[in-house]
Amino acid sequence: MKKLLMLTIAFVLSVTFLGCGTPPVYNVNNNAIAVTADKKASMSDVEKAIIRAGGGLGWIIKKEKEGLLKGTLVLRTHTAVVAITYNTQEYSINYESSINLDYNAENNTIHSNYNGWIQNLNKAIQVQLSLL
C-alpha cells in the first residue's frame, strides 16, 4: 500500500513538472490596424497610439526611426526590450533582448511573464488604435 502511494505521488509530481516548461517567445506579427472606414490612420497617429499604450503599462517607448519604435520594460531585476515596427496598415512586436528572463535563443524560449507583458502591450495598442 505504501509503495502504491509513493508511486502515485511520484507520478503526479512528474506530470506536474513536465507541464511547467519554458514557453516559446510570443511575438505579434503584422497585426492589422483597424480604423473606421471614413478615416485613415497616419504614421504619426499610429506612433502616438503605440507610445501611449506602452506608457500606460510602464514601457518606455522611443522612436528609432520612421516606422520603428523600441520598447523597454524594467520590472524589478527583469528587463525586456522589443522592436515595434509599424505603418498605417499594421504593426508587429518582436523580441529584441532581455535581462533575467531566461531567454534561450536555441529553443526560442523565455520566462512566461514576458509573454504576458507582450500580450498586455498588444491589447493596449489595439485599444489606443481603436480610438483613432
Protein backbone atom coordinates (compact mmCIF):
# COMPACT_ATOMS: atom_id res chain seq x y z
CA MET A 1 0.00 0.00 0.00
CA LYS A 2 2.80 2.39 0.93
CA LYS A 3 4.60 1.59 -2.31
CA LEU A 4 1.47 2.32 -4.37
CA LEU A 5 1.00 5.66 -2.60
CA MET A 6 4.64 6.64 -3.25
CA LEU A 7 4.35 5.68 -6.94
CA THR A 8 1.17 7.73 -7.27
CA ILE A 9 2.79 10.77 -5.67
CA ALA A 10 5.87 10.40 -7.89
CA PHE A 11 3.68 10.16 -10.99
CA VAL A 12 1.64 13.23 -10.09
CA LEU A 13 4.77 15.27 -9.36
CA SER A 14 6.46 14.24 -12.60
CA VAL A 15 3.39 15.13 -14.67
CA THR A 16 3.15 18.47 -12.86
CA PHE A 17 6.76 19.39 -13.52
CA LEU A 18 6.65 18.30 -17.16
CA GLY A 19 3.87 20.82 -17.75
CA CYS A 20 5.96 23.67 -16.33
CA GLY A 21 8.33 24.06 -19.26
CA THR A 22 9.52 27.41 -20.54
CA PRO A 23 7.19 28.72 -23.27
CA PRO A 24 8.26 29.92 -26.71
CA VAL A 25 8.76 33.67 -27.22
CA TYR A 26 5.48 35.37 -28.12
CA ASN A 27 5.74 37.84 -31.00
CA VAL A 28 2.96 39.84 -32.63
CA ASN A 29 3.33 39.77 -36.40
CA ASN A 30 1.53 42.02 -38.87
CA ASN A 31 -1.43 42.89 -36.65
CA ALA A 32 -3.90 44.89 -38.74
CA ILE A 33 -4.71 48.47 -37.77
CA ALA A 34 -8.47 48.78 -37.89
CA VAL A 35 -9.91 52.27 -38.07
CA THR A 36 -13.30 53.50 -39.22
CA ALA A 37 -14.00 53.42 -42.94
CA ASP A 38 -14.07 57.22 -43.22
CA LYS A 39 -10.70 57.75 -41.51
CA LYS A 40 -7.21 56.55 -42.32
CA ALA A 41 -4.54 56.44 -39.64
CA SER A 42 -1.39 58.44 -40.34
CA MET A 43 2.09 57.28 -39.35
CA SER A 44 2.07 59.92 -36.62
CA ASP A 45 -1.30 58.68 -35.30
CA VAL A 46 -0.06 55.09 -35.11
CA GLU A 47 3.21 56.10 -33.48
CA LYS A 48 1.45 58.20 -30.81
CA ALA A 49 -1.07 55.41 -30.11
CA ILE A 50 1.71 52.87 -29.57
CA ILE A 51 3.65 55.24 -27.30
CA ARG A 52 0.51 55.99 -25.24
CA ALA A 53 -0.33 52.30 -24.95
CA GLY A 54 3.14 51.34 -23.82
CA GLY A 55 3.48 54.28 -21.44
CA GLY A 56 0.25 53.32 -19.71
CA LEU A 57 1.76 49.92 -18.89
CA GLY A 58 5.17 51.16 -17.78
CA TRP A 59 7.00 50.62 -21.06
CA ILE A 60 9.47 53.26 -22.20
CA ILE A 61 8.87 53.61 -25.93
CA LYS A 62 11.41 55.53 -28.02
CA LYS A 63 11.45 56.25 -31.72
CA GLU A 64 14.42 54.71 -33.51
CA LYS A 65 13.40 55.87 -36.98
CA GLU A 66 10.23 56.25 -39.03
CA GLY A 67 8.27 53.02 -38.69
CA LEU A 68 10.39 51.62 -35.84
CA LEU A 69 9.97 52.07 -32.10
CA LYS A 70 11.96 50.39 -29.35
CA GLY A 71 10.10 49.44 -26.18
CA THR A 72 11.81 48.73 -22.86
CA LEU A 73 10.11 47.38 -19.74
CA VAL A 74 12.01 47.19 -16.46
CA LEU A 75 10.37 45.32 -13.59
CA ARG A 76 12.46 44.60 -10.50
CA THR A 77 15.55 42.80 -11.85
CA HIS A 78 13.95 41.93 -15.20
CA THR A 79 14.29 43.88 -18.43
CA ALA A 80 12.57 43.20 -21.74
CA VAL A 81 13.33 45.05 -24.97
CA VAL A 82 11.15 44.80 -28.08
CA ALA A 83 11.22 46.24 -31.58
CA ILE A 84 7.85 47.60 -32.71
CA THR A 85 7.58 48.08 -36.45
CA TYR A 86 4.53 49.84 -37.84
CA ASN A 87 2.97 51.55 -40.82
CA THR A 88 -0.54 52.83 -41.49
CA GLN A 89 -1.86 49.30 -42.12
CA GLU A 90 -0.23 47.04 -39.50
CA TYR A 91 2.24 46.69 -36.66
CA SER A 92 4.46 44.00 -35.19
CA ILE A 93 6.07 43.49 -31.77
CA ASN A 94 9.20 41.34 -31.80
CA TYR A 95 11.60 40.24 -29.09
CA GLU A 96 14.93 42.02 -29.21
CA SER A 97 16.70 41.31 -25.91
CA SER A 98 16.18 40.70 -22.20
CA ILE A 99 17.88 40.50 -18.83
CA ASN A 100 16.98 37.86 -16.21
CA LEU A 101 14.17 36.35 -18.28
CA ASP A 102 15.86 33.02 -19.06
CA TYR A 103 15.85 33.62 -22.82
CA ASN A 104 17.16 30.63 -24.75
CA ALA A 105 17.95 31.55 -28.36
CA GLU A 106 18.44 27.95 -29.43
CA ASN A 107 14.96 26.91 -28.29
CA ASN A 108 13.39 30.37 -28.68
CA THR A 109 12.00 30.15 -25.12
CA ILE A 110 11.64 32.74 -22.37
CA HIS A 111 10.13 33.25 -18.92
CA SER A 112 6.33 33.06 -19.13
CA ASN A 113 5.90 36.56 -17.64
CA TYR A 114 7.42 38.04 -20.80
CA ASN A 115 4.64 36.62 -22.96
CA GLY A 116 2.00 38.11 -20.66
CA TRP A 117 3.67 41.52 -20.88
CA ILE A 118 3.64 41.37 -24.68
CA GLN A 119 0.01 40.25 -24.79
CA ASN A 120 -0.93 43.14 -22.49
CA LEU A 121 1.05 45.59 -24.63
CA ASN A 122 -0.65 44.30 -27.76
CA LYS A 123 -4.12 44.71 -26.21
CA ALA A 124 -3.29 48.24 -25.05
CA ILE A 125 -2.07 49.16 -28.55
CA GLN A 126 -5.29 47.82 -30.04
CA VAL A 127 -7.33 49.93 -27.61
CA GLN A 128 -5.37 53.08 -28.44
CA LEU A 129 -5.62 52.44 -32.17
CA SER A 130 -9.37 51.91 -31.89
CA LEU A 131 -9.66 55.45 -30.51
CA LEU A 132 -8.17 56.98 -33.67
